[in-house]
Amino acid sequence: MTVAAAQADAAEVFSRRFAAHRSQRRAASAGYAALFLVAVIVSSIVGEVDLARLAAGLPNIAAYIGRTLPVLRLDTLWADIGEWLWAIDIWLVMLGDTVLMALVGTVFGGAIAALLCFEASENCGASPLARQAARRAFDVLRSVPELVFALVFVFAFGPGPFAGVLAILLHSAGALGKLFAEANENAEAGPYQAVLAAGGTRLHAIRFGIVPQILPNHLSYLLLRFEINVRAASVLGVVGAGGIGEELYLVVRQFIYSDISAIVLLILLAVAIVDIGCEKLRHALIAPAGAAR
């Protein structure tokens, strides 16, 4: 057989195998798409998704929002704003409590996640038993919503910010633990193995081989979680866990419409300020580290 014939046979074999592989991929993709479509349909049925009901309810939403908007007239603008924000000094104190709840919960939750994430990472030398224990602990902590944690802690310790801080702390530890562990596993193995080969312990290898690589990602995740927790802390007041959420729940139940819009506006401004501040801090802390690498 000539070289040309051998090359032609090889090309034909490759074409057949490639066509068969592509057909298998298309069939698998079609199967996954069909499964996804079935899941969406079943979820819509279980969730009672009704477009006609949605269209009928939208005007009611608009009417409710319209009731919460204050009456602001140009000739008495400042007086109207003062009447709308009549308790702003009280609300700002409550809003500060909310932000501080989120801050404390995020810091201590992040500390727990940072301590356990290396046990949950496959590339950090933990035993299989320790790794599974750490992963399952993170699963449990992030699977329980903050509101459920808050209900338990309000029952145990009484109403107040302490229950909210504990709820945010535990849920943040679970969520950040998973993110930190995945960031650890994306680190290059070379520096870790080099420290071990030089006679260092596992702790030395993690400190000098893993941490310098993943620290920017950990900081980024921590700041992102703080932003999320500010919003979560605003809701925990519904169950008596302190902060501005308690006041919001009170005025909603009493149908004090103008106070609803005022408190929601303050929460939106606080979230926006925290978001901008975290963005500036993230760029200041992480961009230089990324550039150095």
C-alpha atoms as a PDB file:
ATOM      1  CA  MET A   1       0.000   0.000   0.000  1.00  0.00           C
ATOM      2  CA  THR A   2       1.356   3.374  -0.970  1.00  0.00           C
ATOM      3  CA  VAL A   3       1.802   6.253   1.426  1.00  0.00           C
ATOM      4  CA  ALA A   4      -0.970   8.210  -0.285  1.00  0.00           C
ATOM      5  CA  ALA A   5      -3.390   5.296   0.070  1.00  0.00           C
ATOM      6  CA  ALA A   6      -2.487   4.861   3.738  1.00  0.00           C
ATOM      7  CA  GLN A   7      -3.071   8.548   4.363  1.00  0.00           C
ATOM      8  CA  ALA A   8      -6.415   8.375   2.552  1.00  0.00           C
ATOM      9  CA  ASP A   9      -7.481   5.364   4.657  1.00  0.00           C
ATOM     10  CA  ALA A  10      -6.395   7.133   7.844  1.00  0.00           C
ATOM     11  CA  ALA A  11      -8.302  10.262   6.840  1.00  0.00           C
ATOM     12  CA  GLU A  12     -11.417   8.197   6.113  1.00  0.00           C
ATOM     13  CA  VAL A  13     -11.191   6.430   9.472  1.00  0.00           C
ATOM     14  CA  PHE A  14     -10.746   9.759  11.220  1.00  0.00           C
ATOM     15  CA  SER A  15     -13.737  11.237   9.371  1.00  0.00           C
ATOM     16  CA  ARG A  16     -15.961   8.295  10.352  1.00  0.00           C
ATOM     17  CA  ARG A  17     -14.912   8.459  13.979  1.00  0.00           C
ATOM     18  CA  PHE A  18     -15.301  12.237  14.069  1.00  0.00           C
ATOM     19  CA  ALA A  19     -18.771  11.996  12.531  1.00  0.00           C
ATOM     20  CA  ALA A  20     -19.759   9.304  15.041  1.00  0.00           C
ATOM     21  CA  HIS A  21     -18.412  11.403  17.937  1.00  0.00           C
ATOM     22  CA  ARG A  22     -20.270  14.480  16.692  1.00  0.00           C
ATOM     23  CA  SER A  23     -23.485  12.480  16.378  1.00  0.00           C
ATOM     24  CA  GLN A  24     -23.087  11.247  19.950  1.00  0.00           C
ATOM     25  CA  ARG A  25     -22.485  14.783  21.193  1.00  0.00           C
ATOM     26  CA  ARG A  26     -25.551  16.067  19.341  1.00  0.00           C
ATOM     27  CA  ALA A  27     -27.689  13.265  20.731  1.00  0.00           C
ATOM     28  CA  ALA A  28     -26.424  13.937  24.258  1.00  0.00           C
ATOM     29  CA  SER A  29     -27.046  17.669  23.860  1.00  0.00           C
ATOM     30  CA  ALA A  30     -30.565  17.014  22.571  1.00  0.00           C
ATOM     31  CA  GLY A  31     -31.226  14.712  25.505  1.00  0.00           C
ATOM     32  CA  TYR A  32     -29.983  17.274  28.027  1.00  0.00           C
ATOM     33  CA  ALA A  33     -32.045  20.018  26.343  1.00  0.00           C
ATOM     34  CA  ALA A  34     -35.169  17.837  26.485  1.00  0.00           C
ATOM     35  CA  LEU A  35     -34.505  17.036  30.152  1.00  0.00           C
ATOM     36  CA  PHE A  36     -34.034  20.736  30.928  1.00  0.00           C
ATOM     37  CA  LEU A  37     -37.275  21.608  29.115  1.00  0.00           C
ATOM     38  CA  VAL A  38     -39.177  18.962  31.075  1.00  0.00           C
ATOM     39  CA  ALA A  39     -37.706  20.300  34.333  1.00  0.00           C
ATOM     40  CA  VAL A  40     -38.795  23.853  33.453  1.00  0.00           C
ATOM     41  CA  ILE A  41     -42.329  22.708  32.572  1.00  0.00           C
ATOM     42  CA  VAL A  42     -42.681  20.644  35.749  1.00  0.00           C
ATOM     43  CA  SER A  43     -41.269  23.503  37.843  1.00  0.00           C
ATOM     44  CA  SER A  44     -43.737  25.933  36.249  1.00  0.00           C
ATOM     45  CA  ILE A  45     -46.640  23.617  37.083  1.00  0.00           C
ATOM     46  CA  VAL A  46     -45.496  23.075  40.669  1.00  0.00           C
ATOM     47  CA  GLY A  47     -44.827  26.794  41.077  1.00  0.00           C
ATOM     48  CA  GLU A  48     -48.300  27.617  39.695  1.00  0.00           C
ATOM     49  CA  VAL A  49     -46.880  29.937  37.050  1.00  0.00           C
ATOM     50  CA  ASP A  50     -49.855  31.610  35.389  1.00  0.00           C
ATOM     51  CA  LEU A  51     -49.238  34.387  32.864  1.00  0.00           C
ATOM     52  CA  ALA A  52     -52.876  35.499  32.944  1.00  0.00           C
ATOM     53  CA  ARG A  53     -52.737  35.777  36.723  1.00  0.00           C
ATOM     54  CA  LEU A  54     -49.472  37.694  36.443  1.00  0.00           C
ATOM     55  CA  ALA A  55     -50.966  40.152  33.957  1.00  0.00           C
ATOM     56  CA  ALA A  56     -54.014  40.650  36.208  1.00  0.00           C
ATOM     57  CA  GLY A  57     -51.851  41.266  39.289  1.00  0.00           C
ATOM     58  CA  LEU A  58     -49.404  43.761  37.775  1.00  0.00           C
ATOM     59  CA  PRO A  59     -51.811  46.725  38.113  1.00  0.00           C
ATOM     60  CA  ASN A  60     -52.210  45.883  41.815  1.00  0.00           C
ATOM     61  CA  ILE A  61     -48.436  46.026  42.242  1.00  0.00           C
ATOM     62  CA  ALA A  62     -48.336  49.401  40.525  1.00  0.00           C
ATOM     63  CA  ALA A  63     -51.188  50.642  42.726  1.00  0.00           C
ATOM     64  CA  TYR A  64     -49.430  49.514  45.908  1.00  0.00           C
ATOM     65  CA  ILE A  65     -46.167  51.184  44.881  1.00  0.00           C
ATOM     66  CA  GLY A  66     -48.113  54.323  44.018  1.00  0.00           C
ATOM     67  CA  ARG A  67     -49.584  54.437  47.520  1.00  0.00           C
ATOM     68  CA  THR A  68     -46.137  54.321  49.090  1.00  0.00           C
ATOM     69  CA  LEU A  69     -44.815  57.280  47.092  1.00  0.00           C
ATOM     70  CA  PRO A  70     -44.884  60.583  49.000  1.00  0.00           C
ATOM     71  CA  VAL A  71     -46.751  63.646  47.865  1.00  0.00           C
ATOM     72  CA  LEU A  72     -44.076  66.190  46.942  1.00  0.00           C
ATOM     73  CA  ARG A  73     -45.192  69.657  45.817  1.00  0.00           C
ATOM     74  CA  LEU A  74     -42.815  72.222  44.429  1.00  0.00           C
ATOM     75  CA  ASP A  75     -44.022  75.095  46.590  1.00  0.00           C
ATOM     76  CA  THR A  76     -43.734  73.068  49.834  1.00  0.00           C
ATOM     77  CA  LEU A  77     -40.989  70.664  48.757  1.00  0.00           C
ATOM     78  CA  TRP A  78     -38.790  70.811  51.857  1.00  0.00           C
ATOM     79  CA  ALA A  79     -41.751  70.582  54.196  1.00  0.00           C
ATOM     80  CA  ASP A  80     -43.052  67.560  52.288  1.00  0.00           C
ATOM     81  CA  ILE A  81     -39.648  65.864  52.387  1.00  0.00           C
ATOM     82  CA  GLY A  82     -39.382  66.590  56.103  1.00  0.00           C
ATOM     83  CA  GLU A  83     -42.799  65.049  56.673  1.00  0.00           C
ATOM     84  CA  TRP A  84     -41.853  62.023  54.552  1.00  0.00           C
ATOM     85  CA  LEU A  85     -38.570  61.454  56.382  1.00  0.00           C
ATOM     86  CA  TRP A  86     -39.950  62.452  59.784  1.00  0.00           C
ATOM     87  CA  ALA A  87     -38.067  59.684  61.666  1.00  0.00           C
ATOM     88  CA  ILE A  88     -34.862  59.666  59.659  1.00  0.00           C
ATOM     89  CA  ASP A  89     -32.681  59.977  62.779  1.00  0.00           C
ATOM     90  CA  ILE A  90     -34.210  56.794  64.228  1.00  0.00           C
ATOM     91  CA  TRP A  91     -34.094  54.992  60.908  1.00  0.00           C
ATOM     92  CA  LEU A  92     -30.438  55.855  60.324  1.00  0.00           C
ATOM     93  CA  VAL A  93     -29.511  54.361  63.705  1.00  0.00           C
ATOM     94  CA  MET A  94     -31.395  51.186  62.798  1.00  0.00           C
ATOM     95  CA  LEU A  95     -29.758  51.161  59.374  1.00  0.00           C
ATOM     96  CA  GLY A  96     -26.354  51.489  61.010  1.00  0.00           C
ATOM     97  CA  ASP A  97     -27.203  48.501  63.187  1.00  0.00           C
ATOM     98  CA  THR A  98     -28.073  46.559  60.036  1.00  0.00           C
ATOM     99  CA  VAL A  99     -24.760  47.360  58.350  1.00  0.00           C
ATOM    100  CA  LEU A 100     -22.802  46.521  61.495  1.00  0.00           C
ATOM    101  CA  MET A 101     -24.675  43.213  61.839  1.00  0.00           C
ATOM    102  CA  ALA A 102     -23.647  42.359  58.293  1.00  0.00           C
ATOM    103  CA  LEU A 103     -20.045  43.431  58.930  1.00  0.00           C
ATOM    104  CA  VAL A 104     -19.581  41.394  62.123  1.00  0.00           C
ATOM    105  CA  GLY A 105     -21.335  38.350  60.678  1.00  0.00           C
ATOM    106  CA  THR A 106     -19.252  38.504  57.508  1.00  0.00           C
ATOM    107  CA  VAL A 107     -15.917  38.906  59.333  1.00  0.00           C
ATOM    108  CA  PHE A 108     -16.448  36.032  61.759  1.00  0.00           C
ATOM    109  CA  GLY A 109     -18.151  33.839  59.172  1.00  0.00           C
ATOM    110  CA  GLY A 110     -15.261  34.481  56.804  1.00  0.00           C
ATOM    111  CA  ALA A 111     -12.790  33.605  59.560  1.00  0.00           C
ATOM    112  CA  ILE A 112     -14.494  30.234  60.122  1.00  0.00           C
ATOM    113  CA  ALA A 113     -14.557  29.585  56.389  1.00  0.00           C
ATOM    114  CA  ALA A 114     -10.863  30.495  56.061  1.00  0.00           C
ATOM    115  CA  LEU A 115      -9.894  28.109  58.857  1.00  0.00           C
ATOM    116  CA  LEU A 116     -11.831  25.142  57.466  1.00  0.00           C
ATOM    117  CA  CYS A 117     -11.522  25.697  53.711  1.00  0.00           C
ATOM    118  CA  PHE A 118      -8.096  24.053  53.489  1.00  0.00           C
ATOM    119  CA  GLU A 119      -9.504  20.895  55.061  1.00  0.00           C
ATOM    120  CA  ALA A 120     -12.222  20.928  52.399  1.00  0.00           C
ATOM    121  CA  SER A 121      -9.767  21.363  49.510  1.00  0.00           C
ATOM    122  CA  GLU A 122      -8.566  18.269  47.705  1.00  0.00           C
ATOM    123  CA  ASN A 123      -5.134  19.696  46.919  1.00  0.00           C
ATOM    124  CA  CYS A 124      -4.179  20.756  50.464  1.00  0.00           C
ATOM    125  CA  GLY A 125      -3.264  17.363  51.890  1.00  0.00           C
ATOM    126  CA  ALA A 126      -6.297  16.814  54.135  1.00  0.00           C
ATOM    127  CA  SER A 127      -7.407  13.265  54.860  1.00  0.00           C
ATOM    128  CA  PRO A 128     -10.524  12.038  53.011  1.00  0.00           C
ATOM    129  CA  LEU A 129     -12.454  11.916  56.290  1.00  0.00           C
ATOM    130  CA  ALA A 130     -11.533  15.492  57.231  1.00  0.00           C
ATOM    131  CA  ARG A 131     -12.273  16.717  53.718  1.00  0.00           C
ATOM    132  CA  GLN A 132     -15.738  15.141  53.640  1.00  0.00           C
ATOM    133  CA  ALA A 133     -16.511  16.402  57.152  1.00  0.00           C
ATOM    134  CA  ALA A 134     -15.555  19.974  56.238  1.00  0.00           C
ATOM    135  CA  ARG A 135     -17.491  19.876  52.962  1.00  0.00           C
ATOM    136  CA  ARG A 136     -20.623  18.493  54.616  1.00  0.00           C
ATOM    137  CA  ALA A 137     -20.376  21.104  57.361  1.00  0.00           C
ATOM    138  CA  PHE A 138     -20.295  23.835  54.715  1.00  0.00           C
ATOM    139  CA  ASP A 139     -23.258  22.179  52.958  1.00  0.00           C
ATOM    140  CA  VAL A 140     -25.342  22.243  56.129  1.00  0.00           C
ATOM    141  CA  LEU A 141     -24.480  25.842  57.001  1.00  0.00           C
ATOM    142  CA  ARG A 142     -25.296  27.289  53.606  1.00  0.00           C
ATOM    143  CA  SER A 143     -28.378  25.109  53.047  1.00  0.00           C
ATOM    144  CA  VAL A 144     -30.223  26.607  56.017  1.00  0.00           C
ATOM    145  CA  PRO A 145     -31.556  30.097  55.129  1.00  0.00           C
ATOM    146  CA  GLU A 146     -30.611  33.048  57.300  1.00  0.00           C
ATOM    147  CA  LEU A 147     -34.252  33.512  58.283  1.00  0.00           C
ATOM    148  CA  VAL A 148     -34.411  29.994  59.718  1.00  0.00           C
ATOM    149  CA  PHE A 149     -31.201  30.529  61.672  1.00  0.00           C
ATOM    150  CA  ALA A 150     -32.559  33.868  62.885  1.00  0.00           C
ATOM    151  CA  LEU A 151     -35.820  32.294  64.079  1.00  0.00           C
ATOM    152  CA  VAL A 152     -33.880  29.715  66.088  1.00  0.00           C
ATOM    153  CA  PHE A 153     -31.569  32.302  67.638  1.00  0.00           C
ATOM    154  CA  VAL A 154     -34.399  34.729  68.422  1.00  0.00           C
ATOM    155  CA  PHE A 155     -36.116  31.891  70.292  1.00  0.00           C
ATOM    156  CA  ALA A 156     -32.879  30.969  72.074  1.00  0.00           C
ATOM    157  CA  PHE A 157     -31.422  34.408  72.885  1.00  0.00           C
ATOM    158  CA  GLY A 158     -34.378  36.742  72.483  1.00  0.00           C
ATOM    159  CA  PRO A 159     -35.040  39.476  69.881  1.00  0.00           C
ATOM    160  CA  GLY A 160     -32.212  41.761  68.882  1.00  0.00           C
ATOM    161  CA  PRO A 161     -29.176  42.141  66.635  1.00  0.00           C
ATOM    162  CA  PHE A 162     -27.266  39.294  68.303  1.00  0.00           C
ATOM    163  CA  ALA A 163     -29.598  36.735  66.726  1.00  0.00           C
ATOM    164  CA  GLY A 164     -29.127  38.384  63.331  1.00  0.00           C
ATOM    165  CA  VAL A 165     -25.348  38.396  63.656  1.00  0.00           C
ATOM    166  CA  LEU A 166     -25.285  34.674  64.468  1.00  0.00           C
ATOM    167  CA  ALA A 167     -27.596  33.874  61.552  1.00  0.00           C
ATOM    168  CA  ILE A 168     -25.445  35.819  59.081  1.00  0.00           C
ATOM    169  CA  LEU A 169     -22.256  34.359  60.570  1.00  0.00           C
ATOM    170  CA  LEU A 170     -23.264  30.720  60.116  1.00  0.00           C
ATOM    171  CA  HIS A 171     -24.736  31.102  56.638  1.00  0.00           C
ATOM    172  CA  SER A 172     -21.732  33.153  55.495  1.00  0.00           C
ATOM    173  CA  ALA A 173     -19.350  30.509  56.845  1.00  0.00           C
ATOM    174  CA  GLY A 174     -21.045  27.859  54.718  1.00  0.00           C
ATOM    175  CA  ALA A 175     -21.218  29.940  51.547  1.00  0.00           C
ATOM    176  CA  LEU A 176     -17.699  31.367  51.818  1.00  0.00           C
ATOM    177  CA  GLY A 177     -16.252  27.986  52.816  1.00  0.00           C
ATOM    178  CA  LYS A 178     -17.331  26.467  49.512  1.00  0.00           C
ATOM    179  CA  LEU A 179     -16.024  29.428  47.512  1.00  0.00           C
ATOM    180  CA  PHE A 180     -12.715  29.479  49.402  1.00  0.00           C
ATOM    181  CA  ALA A 181     -12.214  25.717  48.966  1.00  0.00           C
ATOM    182  CA  GLU A 182     -12.844  25.938  45.219  1.00  0.00           C
ATOM    183  CA  ALA A 183     -10.411  28.848  44.953  1.00  0.00           C
ATOM    184  CA  ASN A 184      -7.805  26.747  46.784  1.00  0.00           C
ATOM    185  CA  GLU A 185      -8.262  23.895  44.326  1.00  0.00           C
ATOM    186  CA  ASN A 186      -7.625  26.262  41.404  1.00  0.00           C
ATOM    187  CA  ALA A 187      -4.183  27.166  42.758  1.00  0.00           C
ATOM    188  CA  GLU A 188      -1.119  25.811  40.961  1.00  0.00           C
ATOM    189  CA  ALA A 189       0.309  22.718  42.630  1.00  0.00           C
ATOM    190  CA  GLY A 190       3.974  23.568  41.967  1.00  0.00           C
ATOM    191  CA  PRO A 191       4.631  25.974  44.877  1.00  0.00           C
ATOM    192  CA  TYR A 192       2.835  23.687  47.360  1.00  0.00           C
ATOM    193  CA  GLN A 193       4.843  20.652  46.292  1.00  0.00           C
ATOM    194  CA  ALA A 194       8.078  22.669  46.262  1.00  0.00           C
ATOM    195  CA  VAL A 195       7.651  23.666  49.925  1.00  0.00           C
ATOM    196  CA  LEU A 196       6.984  20.040  50.877  1.00  0.00           C
ATOM    197  CA  ALA A 197      10.016  18.867  48.867  1.00  0.00           C
ATOM    198  CA  ALA A 198      12.175  21.419  50.689  1.00  0.00           C
ATOM    199  CA  GLY A 199      11.224  19.865  54.020  1.00  0.00           C
ATOM    200  CA  GLY A 200       8.328  22.109  54.998  1.00  0.00           C
ATOM    201  CA  THR A 201       5.260  20.864  56.822  1.00  0.00           C
ATOM    202  CA  ARG A 202       1.750  20.823  55.381  1.00  0.00           C
ATOM    203  CA  LEU A 203       1.019  24.056  57.229  1.00  0.00           C
ATOM    204  CA  HIS A 204       4.125  25.673  55.708  1.00  0.00           C
ATOM    205  CA  ALA A 205       3.121  24.465  52.250  1.00  0.00           C
ATOM    206  CA  ILE A 206      -0.342  25.965  52.605  1.00  0.00           C
ATOM    207  CA  ARG A 207       1.004  29.236  54.018  1.00  0.00           C
ATOM    208  CA  PHE A 208       3.715  29.790  51.405  1.00  0.00           C
ATOM    209  CA  GLY A 209       2.487  27.710  48.460  1.00  0.00           C
ATOM    210  CA  ILE A 210      -1.296  28.200  48.406  1.00  0.00           C
ATOM    211  CA  VAL A 211      -2.233  31.347  50.325  1.00  0.00           C
ATOM    212  CA  PRO A 212      -0.279  33.851  48.170  1.00  0.00           C
ATOM    213  CA  GLN A 213      -2.075  32.514  45.093  1.00  0.00           C
ATOM    214  CA  ILE A 214      -5.619  32.507  46.440  1.00  0.00           C
ATOM    215  CA  LEU A 215      -5.618  35.512  48.788  1.00  0.00           C
ATOM    216  CA  PRO A 216      -6.950  37.982  46.156  1.00  0.00           C
ATOM    217  CA  ASN A 217      -9.842  35.630  45.359  1.00  0.00           C
ATOM    218  CA  HIS A 218     -10.632  35.157  49.043  1.00  0.00           C
ATOM    219  CA  LEU A 219     -10.714  38.913  49.607  1.00  0.00           C
ATOM    220  CA  SER A 220     -12.953  39.389  46.588  1.00  0.00           C
ATOM    221  CA  TYR A 221     -15.400  36.741  47.780  1.00  0.00           C
ATOM    222  CA  LEU A 222     -15.392  38.212  51.302  1.00  0.00           C
ATOM    223  CA  LEU A 223     -16.279  41.692  50.064  1.00  0.00           C
ATOM    224  CA  LEU A 224     -18.974  40.301  47.782  1.00  0.00           C
ATOM    225  CA  ARG A 225     -20.456  38.396  50.716  1.00  0.00           C
ATOM    226  CA  PHE A 226     -20.511  41.578  52.796  1.00  0.00           C
ATOM    227  CA  GLU A 227     -22.610  43.271  50.116  1.00  0.00           C
ATOM    228  CA  ILE A 228     -24.999  40.316  50.098  1.00  0.00           C
ATOM    229  CA  ASN A 229     -25.220  40.271  53.896  1.00  0.00           C
ATOM    230  CA  VAL A 230     -26.207  43.943  54.079  1.00  0.00           C
ATOM    231  CA  ARG A 231     -29.284  43.064  52.047  1.00  0.00           C
ATOM    232  CA  ALA A 232     -29.891  39.907  54.074  1.00  0.00           C
ATOM    233  CA  ALA A 233     -29.605  41.789  57.376  1.00  0.00           C
ATOM    234  CA  SER A 234     -32.311  44.191  56.179  1.00  0.00           C
ATOM    235  CA  VAL A 235     -34.729  41.255  55.978  1.00  0.00           C
ATOM    236  CA  LEU A 236     -33.854  39.496  59.230  1.00  0.00           C
ATOM    237  CA  GLY A 237     -35.713  42.120  61.238  1.00  0.00           C
ATOM    238  CA  VAL A 238     -38.928  40.494  60.036  1.00  0.00           C
ATOM    239  CA  VAL A 239     -38.384  37.746  62.626  1.00  0.00           C
ATOM    240  CA  GLY A 240     -37.127  40.104  65.329  1.00  0.00           C
ATOM    241  CA  ALA A 241     -33.405  39.875  64.607  1.00  0.00           C
ATOM    242  CA  GLY A 242     -32.794  43.615  64.850  1.00  0.00           C
ATOM    243  CA  GLY A 243     -31.921  46.310  62.378  1.00  0.00           C
ATOM    244  CA  ILE A 244     -34.015  48.362  59.980  1.00  0.00           C
ATOM    245  CA  GLY A 245     -35.975  45.272  58.957  1.00  0.00           C
ATOM    246  CA  GLU A 246     -37.978  45.356  62.189  1.00  0.00           C
ATOM    247  CA  GLU A 247     -39.192  48.878  61.459  1.00  0.00           C
ATOM    248  CA  LEU A 248     -39.946  48.018  57.833  1.00  0.00           C
ATOM    249  CA  TYR A 249     -41.989  44.998  58.877  1.00  0.00           C
ATOM    250  CA  LEU A 250     -43.869  47.130  61.403  1.00  0.00           C
ATOM    251  CA  VAL A 251     -44.880  49.854  58.936  1.00  0.00           C
ATOM    252  CA  VAL A 252     -45.838  47.269  56.301  1.00  0.00           C
ATOM    253  CA  ARG A 253     -48.155  45.521  58.764  1.00  0.00           C
ATOM    254  CA  GLN A 254     -49.667  48.843  59.837  1.00  0.00           C
ATOM    255  CA  PHE A 255     -50.062  50.067  56.227  1.00  0.00           C
ATOM    256  CA  ILE A 256     -48.068  53.259  56.825  1.00  0.00           C
ATOM    257  CA  TYR A 257     -47.362  53.622  53.133  1.00  0.00           C
ATOM    258  CA  SER A 258     -45.146  56.723  53.107  1.00  0.00           C
ATOM    259  CA  ASP A 259     -42.839  55.222  55.747  1.00  0.00           C
ATOM    260  CA  ILE A 260     -42.468  52.093  53.618  1.00  0.00           C
ATOM    261  CA  SER A 261     -41.036  54.050  50.690  1.00  0.00           C
ATOM    262  CA  ALA A 262     -38.792  56.128  52.984  1.00  0.00           C
ATOM    263  CA  ILE A 263     -37.268  53.060  54.657  1.00  0.00           C
ATOM    264  CA  VAL A 264     -36.865  51.203  51.358  1.00  0.00           C
ATOM    265  CA  LEU A 265     -35.115  54.265  49.905  1.00  0.00           C
ATOM    266  CA  LEU A 266     -32.676  54.330  52.842  1.00  0.00           C
ATOM    267  CA  ILE A 267     -31.956  50.625  52.405  1.00  0.00           C
ATOM    268  CA  LEU A 268     -31.319  51.115  48.677  1.00  0.00           C
ATOM    269  CA  LEU A 269     -28.946  54.009  49.370  1.00  0.00           C
ATOM    270  CA  ALA A 270     -27.105  51.990  52.022  1.00  0.00           C
ATOM    271  CA  VAL A 271     -26.696  49.018  49.688  1.00  0.00           C
ATOM    272  CA  ALA A 272     -25.465  51.301  46.898  1.00  0.00           C
ATOM    273  CA  ILE A 273     -22.938  53.007  49.208  1.00  0.00           C
ATOM    274  CA  VAL A 274     -21.673  49.653  50.496  1.00  0.00           C
ATOM    275  CA  ASP A 275     -21.429  48.363  46.924  1.00  0.00           C
ATOM    276  CA  ILE A 276     -19.384  51.364  45.795  1.00  0.00           C
ATOM    277  CA  GLY A 277     -17.177  51.218  48.891  1.00  0.00           C
ATOM    278  CA  CYS A 278     -16.506  47.505  48.467  1.00  0.00           C
ATOM    279  CA  GLU A 279     -15.685  48.045  44.801  1.00  0.00           C
ATOM    280  CA  LYS A 280     -13.136  50.725  45.663  1.00  0.00           C
ATOM    281  CA  LEU A 281     -11.643  48.568  48.416  1.00  0.00           C
ATOM    282  CA  ARG A 282     -11.538  45.511  46.161  1.00  0.00           C
ATOM    283  CA  HIS A 283      -9.638  47.428  43.498  1.00  0.00           C
ATOM    284  CA  ALA A 284      -7.247  48.857  46.073  1.00  0.00           C
ATOM    285  CA  LEU A 285      -6.485  45.479  47.684  1.00  0.00           C
ATOM    286  CA  ILE A 286      -6.719  43.067  44.789  1.00  0.00           C
ATOM    287  CA  ALA A 287      -5.576  44.962  41.693  1.00  0.00           C
ATOM    288  CA  PRO A 288      -2.015  45.518  42.978  1.00  0.00           C
ATOM    289  CA  ALA A 289      -1.766  41.827  43.944  1.00  0.00           C
ATOM    290  CA  GLY A 290      -2.957  40.801  40.522  1.00  0.00           C
ATOM    291  CA  ALA A 291      -0.522  43.165  38.839  1.00  0.00           C
ATOM    292  CA  ALA A 292       2.333  41.836  40.931  1.00  0.00           C
ATOM    293  CA  ARG A 293       1.649  38.341  39.733  1.00  0.00           C
END
